[in-house]
């Protein structure tokens, strides 16, 4: 693995392919995961492969590989327009995206609040509708202190938010 990817503003996966390699074989094994260069224009494929690489327990631990992984996480944060609080947060947002939830729109906190106000519901009423005992979770979702579960995204989809 060369160091050219460290300064790349592009997809960290694309930076690993040279034009000579693409001509010979567009498929390359990156940190134990097969990546097809020709499919990298498909965002869902690209994000899926980045996620597989980042969550592969058998990844190399050398300095260049570690720097590549950092650049890949930064790329995902930029793509999702969000900072990850932990690995689980990154995995959840990636899975939501791959499952068809649009996570790149306005921040989910704003979308929840806007949808709730559109229905003229209090935080308590929304909490009851979503199956929560009290409004605390809704407050945390709206302030961006807690990432909502899939049922909240389904509700937002139902509300066309």
Protein backbone atom coordinates (compact mmCIF):
# COMPACT_ATOMS: atom_id res chain seq x y z
CA UNK A 1 0.00 0.00 0.00
CA UNK A 2 1.46 3.36 -0.96
CA UNK A 3 1.15 6.69 0.80
CA UNK A 4 -0.63 8.52 -2.05
CA UNK A 5 -4.02 7.92 -0.40
CA UNK A 6 -3.11 9.95 2.68
CA UNK A 7 -3.45 13.29 0.88
CA UNK A 8 -6.27 12.22 -1.39
CA UNK A 9 -9.50 14.24 -1.19
CA UNK A 10 -11.29 11.49 -3.11
CA UNK A 11 -12.69 8.21 -2.00
CA UNK A 12 -9.94 6.41 -0.05
CA UNK A 13 -10.72 3.22 -1.98
CA UNK A 14 -10.21 4.86 -5.38
CA UNK A 15 -6.85 6.22 -4.23
CA UNK A 16 -5.58 2.64 -3.79
CA UNK A 17 -5.99 1.81 -7.49
CA UNK A 18 -3.45 2.89 -10.11
CA UNK A 19 -4.56 3.18 -13.75
CA UNK A 20 -2.21 0.31 -14.64
CA UNK A 21 -3.84 -1.95 -12.00
CA UNK A 22 -7.33 -1.04 -13.20
CA UNK A 23 -6.41 -2.01 -16.77
CA UNK A 24 -5.03 -5.38 -15.62
CA UNK A 25 -7.61 -6.31 -13.00
CA UNK A 26 -10.28 -3.95 -11.61
CA UNK A 27 -10.73 -6.13 -8.49
CA UNK A 28 -8.29 -5.68 -5.62
CA UNK A 29 -8.13 -7.14 -2.11
CA UNK A 30 -8.03 -4.29 0.41
CA UNK A 31 -7.48 -5.28 4.04
CA UNK A 32 -9.01 -8.69 3.32
CA UNK A 33 -12.05 -7.40 1.37
CA UNK A 34 -12.46 -7.69 -2.41
CA UNK A 35 -13.18 -4.31 -4.01
CA UNK A 36 -14.26 -3.86 -7.64
CA UNK A 37 -13.03 -0.51 -8.93
CA UNK A 38 -15.70 -0.38 -11.64
CA UNK A 39 -18.46 -0.42 -8.99
CA UNK A 40 -17.01 2.36 -6.79
CA UNK A 41 -19.18 4.99 -8.50
CA UNK A 42 -22.17 3.34 -6.78
CA UNK A 43 -22.28 5.02 -3.34
CA UNK A 44 -24.06 2.11 -1.69
CA UNK A 45 -21.35 -0.31 -2.89
CA UNK A 46 -18.60 2.12 -1.87
CA UNK A 47 -19.98 2.65 1.65
CA UNK A 48 -20.62 -1.08 2.08
CA UNK A 49 -17.02 -1.93 1.15
CA UNK A 50 -15.58 0.79 3.40
CA UNK A 51 -17.69 -0.53 6.26
CA UNK A 52 -16.57 -4.12 5.64
CA UNK A 53 -12.93 -3.04 5.60
CA UNK A 54 -13.21 -0.91 8.74
CA UNK A 55 -14.99 -3.66 10.67
CA UNK A 56 -12.70 -6.47 9.51
CA UNK A 57 -10.96 -7.82 12.66
CA UNK A 58 -8.02 -9.11 10.58
CA UNK A 59 -6.91 -5.70 9.31
CA UNK A 60 -3.19 -4.84 9.14
CA UNK A 61 -1.80 -2.79 12.02
CA UNK A 62 1.13 -1.01 10.32
CA UNK A 63 1.30 2.79 10.36
CA UNK A 64 0.31 3.31 6.71
CA UNK A 65 -2.73 1.01 7.06
CA UNK A 66 -3.77 2.77 10.24
CA UNK A 67 -3.51 6.17 8.51
CA UNK A 68 -5.60 4.81 5.64
CA UNK A 69 -8.27 3.63 8.08
CA UNK A 70 -8.33 7.08 9.72
CA UNK A 71 -8.78 8.73 6.31
CA UNK A 72 -11.58 6.25 5.53
CA UNK A 73 -13.40 7.16 8.77
CA UNK A 74 -12.97 10.87 8.00
CA UNK A 75 -14.36 10.26 4.51
CA UNK A 76 -17.42 8.51 5.98
CA UNK A 77 -17.95 11.35 8.48
CA UNK A 78 -17.85 13.83 5.62
CA UNK A 79 -20.23 11.68 3.56
CA UNK A 80 -22.74 11.35 6.42
CA UNK A 81 -22.26 15.02 7.41
CA UNK A 82 -21.73 13.88 10.96
CA UNK A 83 -19.04 13.04 13.48
CA UNK A 84 -19.13 9.56 14.91
CA UNK A 85 -19.21 9.30 18.68
CA UNK A 86 -17.89 5.73 18.65
CA UNK A 87 -17.45 2.71 16.39
CA UNK A 88 -20.99 1.55 17.14
CA UNK A 89 -22.34 4.93 16.01
CA UNK A 90 -20.42 4.65 12.73
CA UNK A 91 -21.70 1.12 12.20
CA UNK A 92 -25.31 2.11 12.97
CA UNK A 93 -25.28 5.07 10.58
CA UNK A 94 -23.68 2.95 7.87
CA UNK A 95 -26.26 0.19 8.35
CA UNK A 96 -29.11 2.72 8.29
CA UNK A 97 -27.77 4.09 5.00
CA UNK A 98 -27.36 0.61 3.51
CA UNK A 99 -30.89 -0.33 4.63
CA UNK A 100 -32.28 2.59 2.65
CA UNK A 101 -32.68 5.24 5.32
CA UNK A 102 -31.58 8.66 4.13
CA UNK A 103 -29.10 9.74 6.79
CA UNK A 104 -27.57 12.58 4.80
CA UNK A 105 -30.55 14.91 4.91
CA UNK A 106 -30.93 17.54 7.58
CA UNK A 107 -29.65 16.33 10.91
CA UNK A 108 -32.07 13.79 12.30
CA UNK A 109 -32.55 15.94 15.40
CA UNK A 110 -34.01 18.74 13.27
CA UNK A 111 -36.16 16.34 11.27
CA UNK A 112 -37.69 14.82 14.43
CA UNK A 113 -38.51 18.20 15.89
CA UNK A 114 -39.95 19.50 12.62
CA UNK A 115 -42.13 16.40 12.12
CA UNK A 116 -43.36 16.56 15.73
CA UNK A 117 -44.26 20.24 15.43
CA UNK A 118 -45.96 19.63 12.08
CA UNK A 119 -48.28 17.15 13.84
CA UNK A 120 -48.64 19.63 16.73
CA UNK A 121 -47.56 17.02 19.23
CA UNK A 122 -45.73 17.57 22.46
CA UNK A 123 -42.56 15.61 23.14
CA UNK A 124 -44.60 13.45 25.54
CA UNK A 125 -47.21 12.67 22.84
CA UNK A 126 -44.50 11.68 20.36
CA UNK A 127 -42.81 9.54 23.00
CA UNK A 128 -46.07 7.68 23.66
CA UNK A 129 -46.67 7.23 19.92
CA UNK A 130 -43.19 5.68 19.54
CA UNK A 131 -43.60 3.48 22.60
CA UNK A 132 -41.45 5.36 25.12
CA UNK A 133 -42.59 5.78 28.73
CA UNK A 134 -41.64 9.44 28.92
CA UNK A 135 -40.36 12.31 26.81
CA UNK A 136 -36.68 12.08 27.85
CA UNK A 137 -35.62 10.06 24.78
CA UNK A 138 -37.35 12.56 22.47
CA UNK A 139 -35.54 15.46 24.16
CA UNK A 140 -32.23 13.64 23.65
CA UNK A 141 -33.02 12.88 19.99
CA UNK A 142 -33.99 16.50 19.30
CA UNK A 143 -30.86 17.86 20.99
CA UNK A 144 -28.64 15.40 19.13
CA UNK A 145 -27.45 13.80 22.37
CA UNK A 146 -28.64 10.35 21.37
CA UNK A 147 -28.91 8.68 17.96
CA UNK A 148 -32.46 7.40 17.43
CA UNK A 149 -33.26 3.74 16.69
CA UNK A 150 -34.74 2.47 13.42
CA UNK A 151 -38.36 2.88 14.61
CA UNK A 152 -37.86 6.66 14.75
CA UNK A 153 -36.53 6.65 11.17
CA UNK A 154 -39.52 4.59 10.08
CA UNK A 155 -41.83 7.15 11.72
CA UNK A 156 -39.97 9.96 9.93
CA UNK A 157 -40.36 8.10 6.63
CA UNK A 158 -44.09 7.69 7.29
CA UNK A 159 -44.29 11.42 7.94
CA UNK A 160 -42.33 12.10 4.72
CA UNK A 161 -39.60 13.87 6.64
